[in-house]
Amino acid sequence: HAFGAKKKLGGEWKMCGSIADFTSFSFHAV
């Protein structure tokens, strides 16, 4: 659900996809 989400970590914004060791995204129709 989170392609394009971001979070402030250690005072710096990080994009979802660069936070966990590995990340999977869905591009399903919904």
Full PDB file with SEQRES, HELIX, SHEET, SSBOND, CRYST1, ORIGX, SCALE, CONECT and MASTER records, all heavy atoms in Angstrom:
SEQRES   1 A   30  HIS ALA PHE GLY ALA LYS LYS LYS LEU GLY GLY GLU TRP          
SEQRES   2 A   30  LYS MET CYS GLY SER ILE ALA ASP PHE THR SER PHE SER          
SEQRES   3 A   30  PHE HIS ALA VAL                                              
SHEET    1 AA1 2 LYS A   6  LEU A   9  0                                        
SHEET    2 AA1 2 GLU A  12  MET A  15 -1                                        
CRYST1    1.000    1.000    1.000  90.00  90.00  90.00 P 1           1          
ORIGX1      1.000000  0.000000  0.000000        0.00000                         
ORIGX2      0.000000  1.000000  0.000000        0.00000                         
ORIGX3      0.000000  0.000000  1.000000        0.00000                         
SCALE1      1.000000  0.000000  0.000000        0.00000                         
SCALE2      0.000000  1.000000  0.000000        0.00000                         
SCALE3      0.000000  0.000000  1.000000        0.00000                         
ATOM      1  N   HIS A   1       0.816  -1.226   0.000  1.00  0.00           N  
ATOM      2  CA  HIS A   1       0.000   0.000   0.000  1.00  0.00           C  
ATOM      3  C   HIS A   1       0.845   1.270   0.000  1.00  0.00           C  
ATOM      4  O   HIS A   1       0.279   2.363  -0.063  1.00  0.00           O  
ATOM      5  CB  HIS A   1      -0.878   0.047   1.255  1.00  0.00           C  
ATOM      6  CG  HIS A   1      -1.842  -1.074   1.390  1.00  0.00           C  
ATOM      7  ND1 HIS A   1      -2.605  -1.273   2.526  1.00  0.00           N  
ATOM      8  CD2 HIS A   1      -2.195  -2.068   0.532  1.00  0.00           C  
ATOM      9  CE1 HIS A   1      -3.363  -2.340   2.369  1.00  0.00           C  
ATOM     10  NE2 HIS A   1      -3.129  -2.841   1.169  1.00  0.00           N  
ATOM     11  N   ALA A   2       2.157   1.165   0.123  1.00  0.00           N  
ATOM     12  CA  ALA A   2       2.951   2.309   0.580  1.00  0.00           C  
ATOM     13  C   ALA A   2       3.943   2.865  -0.434  1.00  0.00           C  
ATOM     14  O   ALA A   2       4.907   3.533  -0.053  1.00  0.00           O  
ATOM     15  CB  ALA A   2       3.683   1.934   1.867  1.00  0.00           C  
ATOM     16  N   PHE A   3       3.718   2.642  -1.728  1.00  0.00           N  
ATOM     17  CA  PHE A   3       4.629   3.193  -2.730  1.00  0.00           C  
ATOM     18  C   PHE A   3       4.489   4.716  -2.765  1.00  0.00           C  
ATOM     19  O   PHE A   3       3.446   5.250  -3.142  1.00  0.00           O  
ATOM     20  CB  PHE A   3       4.318   2.609  -4.115  1.00  0.00           C  
ATOM     21  CG  PHE A   3       5.273   3.037  -5.186  1.00  0.00           C  
ATOM     22  CD1 PHE A   3       6.585   2.599  -5.183  1.00  0.00           C  
ATOM     23  CD2 PHE A   3       4.863   3.878  -6.204  1.00  0.00           C  
ATOM     24  CE1 PHE A   3       7.475   2.998  -6.167  1.00  0.00           C  
ATOM     25  CE2 PHE A   3       5.739   4.284  -7.198  1.00  0.00           C  
ATOM     26  CZ  PHE A   3       7.047   3.840  -7.174  1.00  0.00           C  
ATOM     27  N   GLY A   4       5.534   5.398  -2.319  1.00  0.00           N  
ATOM     28  CA  GLY A   4       5.501   6.859  -2.252  1.00  0.00           C  
ATOM     29  C   GLY A   4       5.372   7.409  -0.853  1.00  0.00           C  
ATOM     30  O   GLY A   4       5.438   8.619  -0.650  1.00  0.00           O  
ATOM     31  N   ALA A   5       5.215   6.519   0.139  1.00  0.00           N  
ATOM     32  CA  ALA A   5       5.176   6.972   1.537  1.00  0.00           C  
ATOM     33  C   ALA A   5       6.584   7.340   1.992  1.00  0.00           C  
ATOM     34  O   ALA A   5       7.581   6.862   1.448  1.00  0.00           O  
ATOM     35  CB  ALA A   5       4.601   5.878   2.426  1.00  0.00           C  
ATOM     36  N   LYS A   6       6.663   8.190   3.012  1.00  0.00           N  
ATOM     37  CA  LYS A   6       7.975   8.531   3.562  1.00  0.00           C  
ATOM     38  C   LYS A   6       7.867   8.784   5.057  1.00  0.00           C  
ATOM     39  O   LYS A   6       6.781   9.054   5.583  1.00  0.00           O  
ATOM     40  CB  LYS A   6       8.574   9.748   2.853  1.00  0.00           C  
ATOM     41  CG  LYS A   6       7.731  10.996   2.858  1.00  0.00           C  
ATOM     42  CD  LYS A   6       8.398  12.079   1.998  1.00  0.00           C  
ATOM     43  CE  LYS A   6       7.547  13.334   1.904  1.00  0.00           C  
ATOM     44  NZ  LYS A   6       8.194  14.365   1.060  1.00  0.00           N  
ATOM     45  N   LYS A   7       9.012   8.672   5.713  1.00  0.00           N  
ATOM     46  CA  LYS A   7       9.044   8.831   7.168  1.00  0.00           C  
ATOM     47  C   LYS A   7      10.340   9.508   7.571  1.00  0.00           C  
ATOM     48  O   LYS A   7      11.390   9.288   6.949  1.00  0.00           O  
ATOM     49  CB  LYS A   7       8.921   7.463   7.846  1.00  0.00           C  
ATOM     50  CG  LYS A   7       8.695   7.534   9.347  1.00  0.00           C  
ATOM     51  CD  LYS A   7       8.110   6.237   9.870  1.00  0.00           C  
ATOM     52  CE  LYS A   7       7.697   6.367  11.321  1.00  0.00           C  
ATOM     53  NZ  LYS A   7       6.938   5.194  11.799  1.00  0.00           N  
ATOM     54  N   LYS A   8      10.268  10.317   8.616  1.00  0.00           N  
ATOM     55  CA  LYS A   8      11.459  10.998   9.120  1.00  0.00           C  
ATOM     56  C   LYS A   8      12.170  10.072  10.103  1.00  0.00           C  
ATOM     57  O   LYS A   8      11.611   9.684  11.131  1.00  0.00           O  
ATOM     58  CB  LYS A   8      11.081  12.312   9.796  1.00  0.00           C  
ATOM     59  CG  LYS A   8      12.258  13.224  10.070  1.00  0.00           C  
ATOM     60  CD  LYS A   8      11.818  14.593  10.593  1.00  0.00           C  
ATOM     61  CE  LYS A   8      11.301  15.475   9.482  1.00  0.00           C  
ATOM     62  NZ  LYS A   8      11.044  16.860   9.956  1.00  0.00           N  
ATOM     63  N   LEU A   9      13.385   9.704   9.767  1.00  0.00           N  
ATOM     64  CA  LEU A   9      14.192   8.803  10.595  1.00  0.00           C  
ATOM     65  C   LEU A   9      15.533   9.475  10.860  1.00  0.00           C  
ATOM     66  O   LEU A   9      16.243   9.834   9.920  1.00  0.00           O  
ATOM     67  CB  LEU A   9      14.405   7.459   9.887  1.00  0.00           C  
ATOM     68  CG  LEU A   9      13.126   6.669   9.554  1.00  0.00           C  
ATOM     69  CD1 LEU A   9      13.439   5.500   8.631  1.00  0.00           C  
ATOM     70  CD2 LEU A   9      12.462   6.171  10.825  1.00  0.00           C  
ATOM     71  N   GLY A  10      15.864   9.645  12.144  1.00  0.00           N  
ATOM     72  CA  GLY A  10      17.099  10.330  12.486  1.00  0.00           C  
ATOM     73  C   GLY A  10      17.140  11.746  11.964  1.00  0.00           C  
ATOM     74  O   GLY A  10      18.203  12.257  11.596  1.00  0.00           O  
ATOM     75  N   GLY A  11      15.954  12.381  11.894  1.00  0.00           N  
ATOM     76  CA  GLY A  11      15.879  13.765  11.434  1.00  0.00           C  
ATOM     77  C   GLY A  11      15.882  13.931   9.930  1.00  0.00           C  
ATOM     78  O   GLY A  11      15.842  15.060   9.424  1.00  0.00           O  
ATOM     79  N   GLU A  12      15.901  12.813   9.190  1.00  0.00           N  
ATOM     80  CA  GLU A  12      15.972  12.876   7.721  1.00  0.00           C  
ATOM     81  C   GLU A  12      14.815  12.084   7.112  1.00  0.00           C  
ATOM     82  O   GLU A  12      14.502  10.987   7.558  1.00  0.00           O  
ATOM     83  CB  GLU A  12      17.312  12.282   7.259  1.00  0.00           C  
ATOM     84  CG  GLU A  12      17.536  12.318   5.771  1.00  0.00           C  
ATOM     85  CD  GLU A  12      18.870  11.688   5.375  1.00  0.00           C  
ATOM     86  OE1 GLU A  12      19.690  11.423   6.277  1.00  0.00           O  
ATOM     87  OE2 GLU A  12      19.070  11.450   4.175  1.00  0.00           O  
ATOM     88  N   TRP A  13      14.180  12.661   6.087  1.00  0.00           N  
ATOM     89  CA  TRP A  13      13.083  11.967   5.417  1.00  0.00           C  
ATOM     90  C   TRP A  13      13.622  10.806   4.589  1.00  0.00           C  
ATOM     91  O   TRP A  13      14.571  10.965   3.823  1.00  0.00           O  
ATOM     92  CB  TRP A  13      12.309  12.908   4.509  1.00  0.00           C  
ATOM     93  CG  TRP A  13      11.423  13.867   5.248  1.00  0.00           C  
ATOM     94  CD1 TRP A  13      11.680  15.171   5.535  1.00  0.00           C  
ATOM     95  CD2 TRP A  13      10.138  13.574   5.816  1.00  0.00           C  
ATOM     96  NE1 TRP A  13      10.630  15.722   6.238  1.00  0.00           N  
ATOM     97  CE2 TRP A  13       9.669  14.767   6.424  1.00  0.00           C  
ATOM     98  CE3 TRP A  13       9.341  12.431   5.869  1.00  0.00           C  
ATOM     99  CZ2 TRP A  13       8.445  14.835   7.073  1.00  0.00           C  
ATOM    100  CZ3 TRP A  13       8.112  12.498   6.516  1.00  0.00           C  
ATOM    101  CH2 TRP A  13       7.672  13.693   7.111  1.00  0.00           C  
ATOM    102  N   LYS A  14      13.009   9.626   4.755  1.00  0.00           N  
ATOM    103  CA  LYS A  14      13.384   8.434   3.998  1.00  0.00           C  
ATOM    104  C   LYS A  14      12.155   7.918   3.247  1.00  0.00           C  
ATOM    105  O   LYS A  14      11.065   7.836   3.811  1.00  0.00           O  
ATOM    106  CB  LYS A  14      13.890   7.334   4.933  1.00  0.00           C  
ATOM    107  CG  LYS A  14      15.183   7.676   5.658  1.00  0.00           C  
ATOM    108  CD  LYS A  14      16.380   7.458   4.762  1.00  0.00           C  
ATOM    109  CE  LYS A  14      17.675   7.604   5.542  1.00  0.00           C  
ATOM    110  NZ  LYS A  14      18.863   7.416   4.670  1.00  0.00           N  
ATOM    111  N   MET A  15      12.373   7.551   2.006  1.00  0.00           N  
ATOM    112  CA  MET A  15      11.282   7.006   1.208  1.00  0.00           C  
ATOM    113  C   MET A  15      11.074   5.531   1.519  1.00  0.00           C  
ATOM    114  O   MET A  15      12.037   4.790   1.740  1.00  0.00           O  
ATOM    115  CB  MET A  15      11.584   7.154  -0.286  1.00  0.00           C  
ATOM    116  CG  MET A  15      11.590   8.575  -0.789  1.00  0.00           C  
ATOM    117  SD  MET A  15       9.979   9.398  -0.671  1.00  0.00           S  
ATOM    118  CE  MET A  15       9.001   8.420  -1.819  1.00  0.00           C  
ATOM    119  N   CYS A  16       9.811   5.125   1.526  1.00  0.00           N  
ATOM    120  CA  CYS A  16       9.515   3.708   1.612  1.00  0.00           C  
ATOM    121  C   CYS A  16      10.201   3.013   0.432  1.00  0.00           C  
ATOM    122  O   CYS A  16      10.156   3.500  -0.696  1.00  0.00           O  
ATOM    123  CB  CYS A  16       8.006   3.484   1.544  1.00  0.00           C  
ATOM    124  SG  CYS A  16       7.503   1.789   1.795  1.00  0.00           S  
ATOM    125  N   GLY A  17      10.840   1.909   0.713  1.00  0.00           N  
ATOM    126  CA  GLY A  17      11.648   1.225  -0.291  1.00  0.00           C  
ATOM    127  C   GLY A  17      13.118   1.312   0.033  1.00  0.00           C  
ATOM    128  O   GLY A  17      13.912   0.485  -0.430  1.00  0.00           O  
ATOM    129  N   SER A  18      13.476   2.328   0.854  1.00  0.00           N  
ATOM    130  CA  SER A  18      14.881   2.497   1.254  1.00  0.00           C  
ATOM    131  C   SER A  18      15.045   2.370   2.766  1.00  0.00           C  
ATOM    132  O   SER A  18      16.102   2.704   3.299  1.00  0.00           O  
ATOM    133  CB  SER A  18      15.403   3.862   0.791  1.00  0.00           C  
ATOM    134  OG  SER A  18      14.737   4.915   1.479  1.00  0.00           O  
ATOM    135  N   ILE A  19      13.997   1.886   3.454  1.00  0.00           N  
ATOM    136  CA  ILE A  19      14.021   1.808   4.919  1.00  0.00           C  
ATOM    137  C   ILE A  19      14.261   0.379   5.386  1.00  0.00           C  
ATOM    138  O   ILE A  19      15.204   0.111   6.136  1.00  0.00           O  
ATOM    139  CB  ILE A  19      12.714   2.366   5.512  1.00  0.00           C  
ATOM    140  CG1 ILE A  19      12.558   3.842   5.152  1.00  0.00           C  
ATOM    141  CG2 ILE A  19      12.701   2.196   7.036  1.00  0.00           C  
ATOM    142  CD1 ILE A  19      11.210   4.446   5.517  1.00  0.00           C  
ATOM    143  N   ALA A  20      13.430  -0.553   4.966  1.00  0.00           N  
ATOM    144  CA  ALA A  20      13.615  -1.967   5.316  1.00  0.00           C  
ATOM    145  C   ALA A  20      14.769  -2.550   4.506  1.00  0.00           C  
ATOM    146  O   ALA A  20      15.210  -1.971   3.509  1.00  0.00           O  
ATOM    147  CB  ALA A  20      12.329  -2.744   5.051  1.00  0.00           C  
ATOM    148  N   ASP A  21      15.247  -3.721   4.921  1.00  0.00           N  
ATOM    149  CA  ASP A  21      16.302  -4.398   4.150  1.00  0.00           C  
ATOM    150  C   ASP A  21      15.808  -4.686   2.734  1.00  0.00           C  
ATOM    151  O   ASP A  21      16.516  -4.464   1.752  1.00  0.00           O  
ATOM    152  CB  ASP A  21      16.701  -5.709   4.833  1.00  0.00           C  
ATOM    153  CG  ASP A  21      17.345  -5.490   6.187  1.00  0.00           C  
ATOM    154  OD1 ASP A  21      18.194  -4.589   6.308  1.00  0.00           O  
ATOM    155  OD2 ASP A  21      16.988  -6.215   7.142  1.00  0.00           O  
ATOM    156  N   PHE A  22      14.594  -5.200   2.645  1.00  0.00           N  
ATOM    157  CA  PHE A  22      13.925  -5.456   1.365  1.00  0.00           C  
ATOM    158  C   PHE A  22      12.495  -4.946   1.474  1.00  0.00           C  
ATOM    159  O   PHE A  22      11.895  -4.986   2.550  1.00  0.00           O  
ATOM    160  CB  PHE A  22      13.903  -6.954   1.028  1.00  0.00           C  
ATOM    161  CG  PHE A  22      15.251  -7.542   0.737  1.00  0.00           C  
ATOM    162  CD1 PHE A  22      16.051  -8.022   1.770  1.00  0.00           C  
ATOM    163  CD2 PHE A  22      15.723  -7.634  -0.565  1.00  0.00           C  
ATOM    164  CE1 PHE A  22      17.301  -8.571   1.512  1.00  0.00           C  
ATOM    165  CE2 PHE A  22      16.967  -8.183  -0.835  1.00  0.00           C  
ATOM    166  CZ  PHE A  22      17.759  -8.654   0.206  1.00  0.00           C  
ATOM    167  N   THR A  23      11.949  -4.505   0.357  1.00  0.00           N  
ATOM    168  CA  THR A  23      10.584  -3.966   0.339  1.00  0.00           C  
ATOM    169  C   THR A  23       9.855  -4.480  -0.891  1.00  0.00           C  
ATOM    170  O   THR A  23      10.428  -4.499  -1.989  1.00  0.00           O  
ATOM    171  CB  THR A  23      10.606  -2.431   0.307  1.00  0.00           C  
ATOM    172  OG1 THR A  23      11.319  -1.933   1.444  1.00  0.00           O  
ATOM    173  CG2 THR A  23       9.200  -1.860   0.311  1.00  0.00           C  
ATOM    174  N   SER A  24       8.596  -4.880  -0.716  1.00  0.00           N  
ATOM    175  CA  SER A  24       7.767  -5.262  -1.865  1.00  0.00           C  
ATOM    176  C   SER A  24       6.592  -4.298  -1.987  1.00  0.00           C  
ATOM    177  O   SER A  24       5.976  -3.918  -0.996  1.00  0.00           O  
ATOM    178  CB  SER A  24       7.262  -6.699  -1.723  1.00  0.00           C  
ATOM    179  OG  SER A  24       6.475  -6.858  -0.561  1.00  0.00           O  
ATOM    180  N   PHE A  25       6.319  -3.893  -3.228  1.00  0.00           N  
ATOM    181  CA  PHE A  25       5.212  -2.988  -3.550  1.00  0.00           C  
ATOM    182  C   PHE A  25       4.215  -3.698  -4.464  1.00  0.00           C  
ATOM    183  O   PHE A  25       4.595  -4.578  -5.232  1.00  0.00           O  
ATOM    184  CB  PHE A  25       5.714  -1.747  -4.299  1.00  0.00           C  
ATOM    185  CG  PHE A  25       6.674  -0.883  -3.540  1.00  0.00           C  
ATOM    186  CD1 PHE A  25       8.007  -0.826  -3.907  1.00  0.00           C  
ATOM    187  CD2 PHE A  25       6.247  -0.118  -2.457  1.00  0.00           C  
ATOM    188  CE1 PHE A  25       8.907  -0.016  -3.228  1.00  0.00           C  
ATOM    189  CE2 PHE A  25       7.135   0.694  -1.772  1.00  0.00           C  
ATOM    190  CZ  PHE A  25       8.468   0.747  -2.148  1.00  0.00           C  
ATOM    191  N   SER A  26       2.954  -3.272  -4.389  1.00  0.00           N  
ATOM    192  CA  SER A  26       1.928  -3.797  -5.281  1.00  0.00           C  
ATOM    193  C   SER A  26       1.460  -2.727  -6.261  1.00  0.00           C  
ATOM    194  O   SER A  26       1.241  -1.575  -5.876  1.00  0.00           O  
ATOM    195  CB  SER A  26       0.717  -4.297  -4.486  1.00  0.00           C  
ATOM    196  OG  SER A  26      -0.334  -4.679  -5.362  1.00  0.00           O  
ATOM    197  N   PHE A  27       1.286  -3.147  -7.517  1.00  0.00           N  
ATOM    198  CA  PHE A  27       0.699  -2.282  -8.548  1.00  0.00           C  
ATOM    199  C   PHE A  27      -0.589  -2.913  -9.095  1.00  0.00           C  
ATOM    200  O   PHE A  27      -0.931  -2.752 -10.271  1.00  0.00           O  
ATOM    201  CB  PHE A  27       1.698  -2.042  -9.686  1.00  0.00           C  
ATOM    202  CG  PHE A  27       3.005  -1.423  -9.239  1.00  0.00           C  
ATOM    203  CD1 PHE A  27       4.208  -1.829  -9.795  1.00  0.00           C  
ATOM    204  CD2 PHE A  27       3.024  -0.442  -8.258  1.00  0.00           C  
ATOM    205  CE1 PHE A  27       5.409  -1.258  -9.396  1.00  0.00           C  
ATOM    206  CE2 PHE A  27       4.229   0.133  -7.846  1.00  0.00           C  
ATOM    207  CZ  PHE A  27       5.426  -0.280  -8.419  1.00  0.00           C  
ATOM    208  N   HIS A  28      -1.280  -3.638  -8.222  1.00  0.00           N  
ATOM    209  CA  HIS A  28      -2.560  -4.244  -8.581  1.00  0.00           C  
ATOM    210  C   HIS A  28      -3.557  -3.162  -9.005  1.00  0.00           C  
ATOM    211  O   HIS A  28      -3.356  -1.975  -8.727  1.00  0.00           O  
ATOM    212  CB  HIS A  28      -3.087  -5.032  -7.377  1.00  0.00           C  
ATOM    213  CG  HIS A  28      -4.420  -5.663  -7.568  1.00  0.00           C  
ATOM    214  ND1 HIS A  28      -5.580  -5.074  -7.132  1.00  0.00           N  
ATOM    215  CD2 HIS A  28      -4.773  -6.819  -8.162  1.00  0.00           C  
ATOM    216  CE1 HIS A  28      -6.605  -5.850  -7.441  1.00  0.00           C  
ATOM    217  NE2 HIS A  28      -6.144  -6.919  -8.062  1.00  0.00           N  
ATOM    218  N   ALA A  29      -4.637  -3.583  -9.625  1.00  0.00           N  
ATOM    219  CA  ALA A  29      -5.611  -2.649 -10.206  1.00  0.00           C  
ATOM    220  C   ALA A  29      -6.181  -1.656  -9.203  1.00  0.00           C  
ATOM    221  O   ALA A  29      -6.559  -0.538  -9.586  1.00  0.00           O  
ATOM    222  CB  ALA A  29      -6.740  -3.431 -10.867  1.00  0.00           C  
ATOM    223  N   VAL A  30      -6.262  -2.019  -7.920  1.00  0.00           N  
ATOM    224  CA  VAL A  30      -6.859  -1.105  -6.938  1.00  0.00           C  
ATOM    225  C   VAL A  30      -5.825  -0.218  -6.244  1.00  0.00           C  
ATOM    226  O   VAL A  30      -6.192   0.611  -5.413  1.00  0.00           O  
ATOM    227  CB  VAL A  30      -7.658  -1.878  -5.856  1.00  0.00           C  
ATOM    228  CG1 VAL A  30      -8.754  -2.712  -6.486  1.00  0.00           C  
ATOM    229  CG2 VAL A  30      -6.738  -2.745  -4.994  1.00  0.00           C  
TER     230      VAL A  30                                                      
MASTER        0    0    0    0    2    0    0    6  229    1    0    3          
END                                                                             
